[in-house]
Amino acid sequence: EIFEFAKFLKIDNEIIKKAPSADLWENQSDEKDLGYSYKNLDKILSEIYDKKANFKDLKAEFGGEITEFVTKKIKTNSFKLKNPPIAKVRNNHFKD
């Protein structure tokens, strides 16, 4: 979807086609580091979040290795979806 939006915004095609990378070293590629293409990862995530597909169906459609990779990442990073606890601070020390 982001690529379609980039085309709509008339972003230069060279930028759109550039391989995603953190650019920490020469010729680094996010997809090489992950071992999977964003296209395939996006398909699986779409099935999980948009269509509510179950693990068994995903495994049959995409294969066990990539499905386990994605579902494990979702579980191990789920804490990022929750706000951290915030301390309550009272201002009782500065009374008039």
PDB file of N, CA and C in Angstrom:
ATOM      1  N   GLU A   1       0.821  -1.202   0.000  1.00  0.00           N
ATOM      2  CA  GLU A   1       0.000   0.000   0.000  1.00  0.00           C
ATOM      3  C   GLU A   1       0.860   1.260   0.000  1.00  0.00           C
ATOM      4  N   ILE A   2       1.968   1.201   0.702  1.00  0.00           N
ATOM      5  CA  ILE A   2       2.818   2.388   0.776  1.00  0.00           C
ATOM      6  C   ILE A   2       3.427   2.710  -0.580  1.00  0.00           C
ATOM      7  N   PHE A   3       3.715   1.674  -1.379  1.00  0.00           N
ATOM      8  CA  PHE A   3       4.274   1.904  -2.704  1.00  0.00           C
ATOM      9  C   PHE A   3       3.237   2.548  -3.626  1.00  0.00           C
ATOM     10  N   GLU A   4       1.997   2.124  -3.508  1.00  0.00           N
ATOM     11  CA  GLU A   4       0.927   2.742  -4.289  1.00  0.00           C
ATOM     12  C   GLU A   4       0.760   4.204  -3.894  1.00  0.00           C
ATOM     13  N   PHE A   5       0.838   4.481  -2.605  1.00  0.00           N
ATOM     14  CA  PHE A   5       0.718   5.852  -2.123  1.00  0.00           C
ATOM     15  C   PHE A   5       1.893   6.693  -2.623  1.00  0.00           C
ATOM     16  N   ALA A   6       3.089   6.123  -2.627  1.00  0.00           N
ATOM     17  CA  ALA A   6       4.274   6.834  -3.117  1.00  0.00           C
ATOM     18  C   ALA A   6       4.101   7.186  -4.597  1.00  0.00           C
ATOM     19  N   LYS A   7       3.547   6.272  -5.374  1.00  0.00           N
ATOM     20  CA  LYS A   7       3.294   6.552  -6.792  1.00  0.00           C
ATOM     21  C   LYS A   7       2.260   7.659  -6.941  1.00  0.00           C
ATOM     22  N   PHE A   8       1.236   7.618  -6.114  1.00  0.00           N
ATOM     23  CA  PHE A   8       0.202   8.654  -6.131  1.00  0.00           C
ATOM     24  C   PHE A   8       0.810  10.027  -5.831  1.00  0.00           C
ATOM     25  N   LEU A   9       1.762  10.058  -4.912  1.00  0.00           N
ATOM     26  CA  LEU A   9       2.435  11.318  -4.556  1.00  0.00           C
ATOM     27  C   LEU A   9       3.491  11.727  -5.579  1.00  0.00           C
ATOM     28  N   LYS A  10       3.681  10.879  -6.601  1.00  0.00           N
ATOM     29  CA  LYS A  10       4.651  11.117  -7.672  1.00  0.00           C
ATOM     30  C   LYS A  10       6.085  11.200  -7.148  1.00  0.00           C
ATOM     31  N   ILE A  11       6.395  10.329  -6.202  1.00  0.00           N
ATOM     32  CA  ILE A  11       7.757  10.216  -5.693  1.00  0.00           C
ATOM     33  C   ILE A  11       8.598   9.522  -6.760  1.00  0.00           C
ATOM     34  N   ASP A  12       9.807   9.969  -6.909  1.00  0.00           N
ATOM     35  CA  ASP A  12      10.705   9.430  -7.933  1.00  0.00           C
ATOM     36  C   ASP A  12      10.781   7.910  -7.836  1.00  0.00           C
ATOM     37  N   ASN A  13      10.665   7.245  -8.979  1.00  0.00           N
ATOM     38  CA  ASN A  13      10.649   5.788  -9.037  1.00  0.00           C
ATOM     39  C   ASN A  13      11.941   5.174  -8.488  1.00  0.00           C
ATOM     40  N   GLU A  14      13.055   5.878  -8.619  1.00  0.00           N
ATOM     41  CA  GLU A  14      14.335   5.391  -8.084  1.00  0.00           C
ATOM     42  C   GLU A  14      14.257   5.229  -6.563  1.00  0.00           C
ATOM     43  N   ILE A  15      13.553   6.115  -5.919  1.00  0.00           N
ATOM     44  CA  ILE A  15      13.374   6.036  -4.466  1.00  0.00           C
ATOM     45  C   ILE A  15      12.423   4.894  -4.116  1.00  0.00           C
ATOM     46  N   ILE A  16      11.351   4.776  -4.870  1.00  0.00           N
ATOM     47  CA  ILE A  16      10.367   3.724  -4.613  1.00  0.00           C
ATOM     48  C   ILE A  16      10.996   2.340  -4.772  1.00  0.00           C
ATOM     49  N   LYS A  17      11.837   2.170  -5.780  1.00  0.00           N
ATOM     50  CA  LYS A  17      12.428   0.861  -6.078  1.00  0.00           C
ATOM     51  C   LYS A  17      13.647   0.531  -5.217  1.00  0.00           C
ATOM     52  N   LYS A  18      14.164   1.507  -4.475  1.00  0.00           N
ATOM     53  CA  LYS A  18      15.349   1.257  -3.645  1.00  0.00           C
ATOM     54  C   LYS A  18      15.037   0.201  -2.588  1.00  0.00           C
ATOM     55  N   ALA A  19      15.942  -0.749  -2.447  1.00  0.00           N
ATOM     56  CA  ALA A  19      15.750  -1.813  -1.454  1.00  0.00           C
ATOM     57  C   ALA A  19      15.765  -1.227  -0.047  1.00  0.00           C
ATOM     58  N   PRO A  20      14.816  -1.612   0.809  1.00  0.00           N
ATOM     59  CA  PRO A  20      14.782  -1.099   2.184  1.00  0.00           C
ATOM     60  C   PRO A  20      16.052  -1.485   2.938  1.00  0.00           C
ATOM     61  N   SER A  21      16.612  -0.515   3.645  1.00  0.00           N
ATOM     62  CA  SER A  21      17.838  -0.773   4.387  1.00  0.00           C
ATOM     63  C   SER A  21      18.019   0.244   5.496  1.00  0.00           C
ATOM     64  N   ALA A  22      18.625  -0.214   6.584  1.00  0.00           N
ATOM     65  CA  ALA A  22      19.006   0.702   7.660  1.00  0.00           C
ATOM     66  C   ALA A  22      20.281   1.447   7.282  1.00  0.00           C
ATOM     67  N   ASP A  23      20.940   1.016   6.207  1.00  0.00           N
ATOM     68  CA  ASP A  23      22.170   1.632   5.705  1.00  0.00           C
ATOM     69  C   ASP A  23      23.254   1.739   6.777  1.00  0.00           C
ATOM     70  N   LEU A  24      23.396   0.693   7.576  1.00  0.00           N
ATOM     71  CA  LEU A  24      24.434   0.685   8.604  1.00  0.00           C
ATOM     72  C   LEU A  24      25.787   0.298   8.019  1.00  0.00           C
ATOM     73  N   TRP A  25      25.770  -0.428   6.891  1.00  0.00           N
ATOM     74  CA  TRP A  25      27.000  -0.763   6.178  1.00  0.00           C
ATOM     75  C   TRP A  25      26.673  -0.862   4.700  1.00  0.00           C
ATOM     76  N   GLU A  26      27.701  -0.854   3.865  1.00  0.00           N
ATOM     77  CA  GLU A  26      27.525  -0.873   2.431  1.00  0.00           C
ATOM     78  C   GLU A  26      26.807  -2.145   1.975  1.00  0.00           C
ATOM     79  N   ASN A  27      25.864  -1.965   1.074  1.00  0.00           N
ATOM     80  CA  ASN A  27      25.072  -3.059   0.480  1.00  0.00           C
ATOM     81  C   ASN A  27      24.213  -3.815   1.492  1.00  0.00           C
ATOM     82  N   GLN A  28      23.920  -3.198   2.609  1.00  0.00           N
ATOM     83  CA  GLN A  28      23.019  -3.840   3.569  1.00  0.00           C
ATOM     84  C   GLN A  28      21.600  -3.845   3.001  1.00  0.00           C
ATOM     85  N   SER A  29      20.868  -4.890   3.282  1.00  0.00           N
ATOM     86  CA  SER A  29      19.479  -5.007   2.851  1.00  0.00           C
ATOM     87  C   SER A  29      18.660  -5.586   3.998  1.00  0.00           C
ATOM     88  N   ASP A  30      17.578  -4.913   4.327  1.00  0.00           N
ATOM     89  CA  ASP A  30      16.688  -5.418   5.380  1.00  0.00           C
ATOM     90  C   ASP A  30      16.187  -6.816   5.036  1.00  0.00           C
ATOM     91  N   GLU A  31      15.820  -7.012   3.784  1.00  0.00           N
ATOM     92  CA  GLU A  31      15.267  -8.302   3.380  1.00  0.00           C
ATOM     93  C   GLU A  31      16.313  -9.410   3.485  1.00  0.00           C
ATOM     94  N   LYS A  32      17.564  -9.116   3.135  1.00  0.00           N
ATOM     95  CA  LYS A  32      18.631 -10.111   3.294  1.00  0.00           C
ATOM     96  C   LYS A  32      18.839 -10.426   4.770  1.00  0.00           C
ATOM     97  N   ASP A  33      18.820  -9.386   5.612  1.00  0.00           N
ATOM     98  CA  ASP A  33      19.012  -9.588   7.043  1.00  0.00           C
ATOM     99  C   ASP A  33      17.880 -10.418   7.645  1.00  0.00           C
ATOM    100  N   LEU A  34      16.660 -10.156   7.214  1.00  0.00           N
ATOM    101  CA  LEU A  34      15.503 -10.887   7.727  1.00  0.00           C
ATOM    102  C   LEU A  34      15.419 -12.297   7.151  1.00  0.00           C
ATOM    103  N   GLY A  35      15.829 -12.431   5.913  1.00  0.00           N
ATOM    104  CA  GLY A  35      15.722 -13.721   5.234  1.00  0.00           C
ATOM    105  C   GLY A  35      14.409 -13.890   4.482  1.00  0.00           C
ATOM    106  N   TYR A  36      13.605 -12.848   4.447  1.00  0.00           N
ATOM    107  CA  TYR A  36      12.306 -12.878   3.775  1.00  0.00           C
ATOM    108  C   TYR A  36      12.049 -11.532   3.110  1.00  0.00           C
ATOM    109  N   SER A  37      11.271 -11.546   2.047  1.00  0.00           N
ATOM    110  CA  SER A  37      10.928 -10.288   1.374  1.00  0.00           C
ATOM    111  C   SER A  37       9.800  -9.588   2.127  1.00  0.00           C
ATOM    112  N   TYR A  38       9.816  -8.261   2.056  1.00  0.00           N
ATOM    113  CA  TYR A  38       8.726  -7.499   2.664  1.00  0.00           C
ATOM    114  C   TYR A  38       7.394  -7.840   2.012  1.00  0.00           C
ATOM    115  N   LYS A  39       7.427  -8.152   0.725  1.00  0.00           N
ATOM    116  CA  LYS A  39       6.198  -8.504   0.014  1.00  0.00           C
ATOM    117  C   LYS A  39       5.541  -9.719   0.664  1.00  0.00           C
ATOM    118  N   ASN A  40       6.319 -10.759   0.939  1.00  0.00           N
ATOM    119  CA  ASN A  40       5.763 -11.953   1.583  1.00  0.00           C
ATOM    120  C   ASN A  40       5.377 -11.687   3.034  1.00  0.00           C
ATOM    121  N   LEU A  41       6.197 -10.946   3.743  1.00  0.00           N
ATOM    122  CA  LEU A  41       5.870 -10.619   5.136  1.00  0.00           C
ATOM    123  C   LEU A  41       4.579  -9.812   5.206  1.00  0.00           C
ATOM    124  N   ASP A  42       4.423  -8.851   4.287  1.00  0.00           N
ATOM    125  CA  ASP A  42       3.204  -8.043   4.251  1.00  0.00           C
ATOM    126  C   ASP A  42       1.971  -8.890   3.965  1.00  0.00           C
ATOM    127  N   LYS A  43       2.117  -9.873   3.084  1.00  0.00           N
ATOM    128  CA  LYS A  43       0.980 -10.761   2.774  1.00  0.00           C
ATOM    129  C   LYS A  43       0.535 -11.518   4.023  1.00  0.00           C
ATOM    130  N   ILE A  44       1.491 -12.034   4.757  1.00  0.00           N
ATOM    131  CA  ILE A  44       1.160 -12.789   5.969  1.00  0.00           C
ATOM    132  C   ILE A  44       0.524 -11.870   7.010  1.00  0.00           C
ATOM    133  N   LEU A  45       1.116 -10.702   7.211  1.00  0.00           N
ATOM    134  CA  LEU A  45       0.561  -9.764   8.197  1.00  0.00           C
ATOM    135  C   LEU A  45      -0.844  -9.328   7.804  1.00  0.00           C
ATOM    136  N   SER A  46      -1.071  -9.143   6.519  1.00  0.00           N
ATOM    137  CA  SER A  46      -2.404  -8.788   6.046  1.00  0.00           C
ATOM    138  C   SER A  46      -3.402  -9.899   6.355  1.00  0.00           C
ATOM    139  N   GLU A  47      -3.000 -11.129   6.125  1.00  0.00           N
ATOM    140  CA  GLU A  47      -3.871 -12.273   6.426  1.00  0.00           C
ATOM    141  C   GLU A  47      -4.188 -12.337   7.923  1.00  0.00           C
ATOM    142  N   ILE A  48      -3.201 -12.055   8.743  1.00  0.00           N
ATOM    143  CA  ILE A  48      -3.388 -12.119  10.199  1.00  0.00           C
ATOM    144  C   ILE A  48      -4.296 -11.000  10.677  1.00  0.00           C
ATOM    145  N   TYR A  49      -4.008  -9.769  10.274  1.00  0.00           N
ATOM    146  CA  TYR A  49      -4.721  -8.622  10.830  1.00  0.00           C
ATOM    147  C   TYR A  49      -5.996  -8.254  10.085  1.00  0.00           C
ATOM    148  N   ASP A  50      -6.007  -8.400   8.771  1.00  0.00           N
ATOM    149  CA  ASP A  50      -7.192  -8.018   8.005  1.00  0.00           C
ATOM    150  C   ASP A  50      -8.211  -9.139   7.896  1.00  0.00           C
ATOM    151  N   LYS A  51      -7.716 -10.349   7.723  1.00  0.00           N
ATOM    152  CA  LYS A  51      -8.621 -11.472   7.473  1.00  0.00           C
ATOM    153  C   LYS A  51      -8.727 -12.425   8.656  1.00  0.00           C
ATOM    154  N   LYS A  52      -7.950 -12.162   9.692  1.00  0.00           N
ATOM    155  CA  LYS A  52      -7.979 -12.969  10.919  1.00  0.00           C
ATOM    156  C   LYS A  52      -7.702 -14.448  10.644  1.00  0.00           C
ATOM    157  N   ALA A  53      -6.751 -14.704   9.757  1.00  0.00           N
ATOM    158  CA  ALA A  53      -6.395 -16.085   9.422  1.00  0.00           C
ATOM    159  C   ALA A  53      -5.745 -16.774  10.619  1.00  0.00           C
ATOM    160  N   ASN A  54      -5.930 -18.078  10.723  1.00  0.00           N
ATOM    161  CA  ASN A  54      -5.325 -18.816  11.825  1.00  0.00           C
ATOM    162  C   ASN A  54      -3.974 -19.401  11.395  1.00  0.00           C
ATOM    163  N   PHE A  55      -3.206 -19.844  12.362  1.00  0.00           N
ATOM    164  CA  PHE A  55      -1.852 -20.334  12.133  1.00  0.00           C
ATOM    165  C   PHE A  55      -1.825 -21.496  11.142  1.00  0.00           C
ATOM    166  N   LYS A  56      -2.752 -22.414  11.282  1.00  0.00           N
ATOM    167  CA  LYS A  56      -2.784 -23.593  10.410  1.00  0.00           C
ATOM    168  C   LYS A  56      -2.977 -23.191   8.945  1.00  0.00           C
ATOM    169  N   ASP A  57      -3.900 -22.266   8.689  1.00  0.00           N
ATOM    170  CA  ASP A  57      -4.141 -21.808   7.319  1.00  0.00           C
ATOM    171  C   ASP A  57      -2.941 -21.049   6.763  1.00  0.00           C
ATOM    172  N   LEU A  58      -2.325 -20.223   7.596  1.00  0.00           N
ATOM    173  CA  LEU A  58      -1.145 -19.474   7.159  1.00  0.00           C
ATOM    174  C   LEU A  58       0.000 -20.413   6.815  1.00  0.00           C
ATOM    175  N   LYS A  59       0.182 -21.417   7.655  1.00  0.00           N
ATOM    176  CA  LYS A  59       1.247 -22.386   7.450  1.00  0.00           C
ATOM    177  C   LYS A  59       1.043 -23.136   6.135  1.00  0.00           C
ATOM    178  N   ALA A  60      -0.201 -23.489   5.836  1.00  0.00           N
ATOM    179  CA  ALA A  60      -0.504 -24.199   4.592  1.00  0.00           C
ATOM    180  C   ALA A  60      -0.268 -23.308   3.372  1.00  0.00           C
ATOM    181  N   GLU A  61      -0.590 -22.028   3.495  1.00  0.00           N
ATOM    182  CA  GLU A  61      -0.461 -21.117   2.353  1.00  0.00           C
ATOM    183  C   GLU A  61       0.970 -20.622   2.123  1.00  0.00           C
ATOM    184  N   PHE A  62       1.671 -20.286   3.202  1.00  0.00           N
ATOM    185  CA  PHE A  62       2.979 -19.639   3.063  1.00  0.00           C
ATOM    186  C   PHE A  62       4.166 -20.514   3.454  1.00  0.00           C
ATOM    187  N   GLY A  63       3.917 -21.591   4.164  1.00  0.00           N
ATOM    188  CA  GLY A  63       4.996 -22.442   4.652  1.00  0.00           C
ATOM    189  C   GLY A  63       5.220 -22.221   6.136  1.00  0.00           C
ATOM    190  N   GLY A  64       5.724 -23.246   6.786  1.00  0.00           N
ATOM    191  CA  GLY A  64       5.867 -23.203   8.238  1.00  0.00           C
ATOM    192  C   GLY A  64       6.944 -22.261   8.737  1.00  0.00           C
ATOM    193  N   GLU A  65       8.070 -22.209   8.035  1.00  0.00           N
ATOM    194  CA  GLU A  65       9.199 -21.425   8.528  1.00  0.00           C
ATOM    195  C   GLU A  65       8.882 -19.930   8.600  1.00  0.00           C
ATOM    196  N   ILE A  66       8.375 -19.358   7.511  1.00  0.00           N
ATOM    197  CA  ILE A  66       8.077 -17.926   7.501  1.00  0.00           C
ATOM    198  C   ILE A  66       6.895 -17.605   8.413  1.00  0.00           C
ATOM    199  N   THR A  67       5.922 -18.507   8.474  1.00  0.00           N
ATOM    200  CA  THR A  67       4.766 -18.289   9.349  1.00  0.00           C
ATOM    201  C   THR A  67       5.188 -18.285  10.812  1.00  0.00           C
ATOM    202  N   GLU A  68       6.044 -19.202  11.194  1.00  0.00           N
ATOM    203  CA  GLU A  68       6.546 -19.234  12.570  1.00  0.00           C
ATOM    204  C   GLU A  68       7.397 -18.006  12.865  1.00  0.00           C
ATOM    205  N   PHE A  69       8.186 -17.563  11.893  1.00  0.00           N
ATOM    206  CA  PHE A  69       9.005 -16.361  12.059  1.00  0.00           C
ATOM    207  C   PHE A  69       8.126 -15.153  12.378  1.00  0.00           C
ATOM    208  N   VAL A  70       7.080 -14.958  11.570  1.00  0.00           N
ATOM    209  CA  VAL A  70       6.196 -13.802  11.739  1.00  0.00           C
ATOM    210  C   VAL A  70       5.426 -13.887  13.053  1.00  0.00           C
ATOM    211  N   THR A  71       4.833 -15.024  13.350  1.00  0.00           N
ATOM    212  CA  THR A  71       4.029 -15.134  14.569  1.00  0.00           C
ATOM    213  C   THR A  71       4.906 -15.005  15.821  1.00  0.00           C
ATOM    214  N   LYS A  72       6.139 -15.502  15.760  1.00  0.00           N
ATOM    215  CA  LYS A  72       7.056 -15.343  16.890  1.00  0.00           C
ATOM    216  C   LYS A  72       7.408 -13.867  17.088  1.00  0.00           C
ATOM    217  N   LYS A  73       7.662 -13.150  15.989  1.00  0.00           N
ATOM    218  CA  LYS A  73       7.976 -11.711  16.079  1.00  0.00           C
ATOM    219  C   LYS A  73       6.792 -10.940  16.673  1.00  0.00           C
ATOM    220  N   ILE A  74       5.588 -11.312  16.258  1.00  0.00           N
ATOM    221  CA  ILE A  74       4.396 -10.637  16.797  1.00  0.00           C
ATOM    222  C   ILE A  74       4.314 -10.839  18.304  1.00  0.00           C
ATOM    223  N   LYS A  75       4.519 -12.078  18.750  1.00  0.00           N
ATOM    224  CA  LYS A  75       4.432 -12.381  20.183  1.00  0.00           C
ATOM    225  C   LYS A  75       5.533 -11.699  20.985  1.00  0.00           C
ATOM    226  N   THR A  76       6.773 -11.771  20.489  1.00  0.00           N
ATOM    227  CA  THR A  76       7.890 -11.218  21.264  1.00  0.00           C
ATOM    228  C   THR A  76       7.887  -9.691  21.290  1.00  0.00           C
ATOM    229  N   ASN A  77       7.218  -9.064  20.334  1.00  0.00           N
ATOM    230  CA  ASN A  77       7.179  -7.606  20.288  1.00  0.00           C
ATOM    231  C   ASN A  77       5.831  -7.025  20.715  1.00  0.00           C
ATOM    232  N   SER A  78       4.929  -7.861  21.204  1.00  0.00           N
ATOM    233  CA  SER A  78       3.595  -7.386  21.576  1.00  0.00           C
ATOM    234  C   SER A  78       3.632  -6.376  22.726  1.00  0.00           C
ATOM    235  N   PHE A  79       4.686  -6.422  23.540  1.00  0.00           N
ATOM    236  CA  PHE A  79       4.796  -5.465  24.645  1.00  0.00           C
ATOM    237  C   PHE A  79       4.871  -4.026  24.129  1.00  0.00           C
ATOM    238  N   LYS A  80       5.301  -3.835  22.903  1.00  0.00           N
ATOM    239  CA  LYS A  80       5.418  -2.498  22.327  1.00  0.00           C
ATOM    240  C   LYS A  80       4.061  -1.853  22.053  1.00  0.00           C
ATOM    241  N   LEU A  81       2.997  -2.653  22.086  1.00  0.00           N
ATOM    242  CA  LEU A  81       1.662  -2.130  21.848  1.00  0.00           C
ATOM    243  C   LEU A  81       1.030  -1.535  23.105  1.00  0.00           C
ATOM    244  N   LYS A  82       1.678  -1.749  24.242  1.00  0.00           N
ATOM    245  CA  LYS A  82       1.132  -1.264  25.514  1.00  0.00           C
ATOM    246  C   LYS A  82       1.911  -0.045  25.994  1.00  0.00           C
ATOM    247  N   ASN A  83       1.194   0.909  26.539  1.00  0.00           N
ATOM    248  CA  ASN A  83       1.854   2.074  27.108  1.00  0.00           C
ATOM    249  C   ASN A  83       2.568   1.689  28.397  1.00  0.00           C
ATOM    250  N   PRO A  84       3.745   2.262  28.631  1.00  0.00           N
ATOM    251  CA  PRO A  84       4.443   1.957  29.887  1.00  0.00           C
ATOM    252  C   PRO A  84       3.724   2.606  31.061  1.00  0.00           C
ATOM    253  N   PRO A  85       3.919   2.058  32.268  1.00  0.00           N
ATOM    254  CA  PRO A  85       3.308   2.701  33.434  1.00  0.00           C
ATOM    255  C   PRO A  85       3.913   4.095  33.635  1.00  0.00           C
ATOM    256  N   ILE A  86       3.078   4.999  34.041  1.00  0.00           N
ATOM    257  CA  ILE A  86       3.520   6.377  34.276  1.00  0.00           C
ATOM    258  C   ILE A  86       3.327   6.694  35.750  1.00  0.00           C
ATOM    259  N   ALA A  87       4.376   7.210  36.350  1.00  0.00           N
ATOM    260  CA  ALA A  87       4.324   7.538  37.780  1.00  0.00           C
ATOM    261  C   ALA A  87       3.430   8.747  38.005  1.00  0.00           C
ATOM    262  N   LYS A  88       2.669   8.703  39.112  1.00  0.00           N
ATOM    263  CA  LYS A  88       1.874   9.858  39.504  1.00  0.00           C
ATOM    264  C   LYS A  88       2.754  10.755  40.358  1.00  0.00           C
ATOM    265  N   VAL A  89       2.781  12.010  40.021  1.00  0.00           N
ATOM    266  CA  VAL A  89       3.591  12.970  40.765  1.00  0.00           C
ATOM    267  C   VAL A  89       2.649  14.016  41.338  1.00  0.00           C
ATOM    268  N   ARG A  90       2.757  14.204  42.641  1.00  0.00           N
ATOM    269  CA  ARG A  90       1.936  15.228  43.284  1.00  0.00           C
ATOM    270  C   ARG A  90       2.798  16.438  43.567  1.00  0.00           C
ATOM    271  N   ASN A  91       2.176  17.567  43.516  1.00  0.00           N
ATOM    272  CA  ASN A  91       2.883  18.811  43.726  1.00  0.00           C
ATOM    273  C   ASN A  91       2.486  19.406  45.068  1.00  0.00           C
ATOM    274  N   ASN A  92       2.664  18.657  46.171  1.00  0.00           N
ATOM    275  CA  ASN A  92       2.290  19.119  47.504  1.00  0.00           C
ATOM    276  C   ASN A  92       3.377  19.958  48.163  1.00  0.00           C
ATOM    277  N   HIS A  93       4.561  19.993  47.638  1.00  0.00           N
ATOM    278  CA  HIS A  93       5.676  20.689  48.267  1.00  0.00           C
ATOM    279  C   HIS A  93       5.673  22.189  48.014  1.00  0.00           C
ATOM    280  N   PHE A  94       4.859  22.646  47.080  1.00  0.00           N
ATOM    281  CA  PHE A  94       4.894  24.046  46.710  1.00  0.00           C
ATOM    282  C   PHE A  94       3.552  24.718  47.012  1.00  0.00           C
ATOM    283  N   LYS A  95       3.181  24.715  48.283  1.00  0.00           N
ATOM    284  CA  LYS A  95       1.934  25.354  48.683  1.00  0.00           C
ATOM    285  C   LYS A  95       2.179  26.836  48.922  1.00  0.00           C
ATOM    286  N   ASP A  96       1.139  27.629  48.652  1.00  0.00           N
ATOM    287  CA  ASP A  96       1.242  29.079  48.883  1.00  0.00           C
ATOM    288  C   ASP A  96       1.289  29.424  50.331  1.00  0.00           C
TER     289      ASP A  96
END
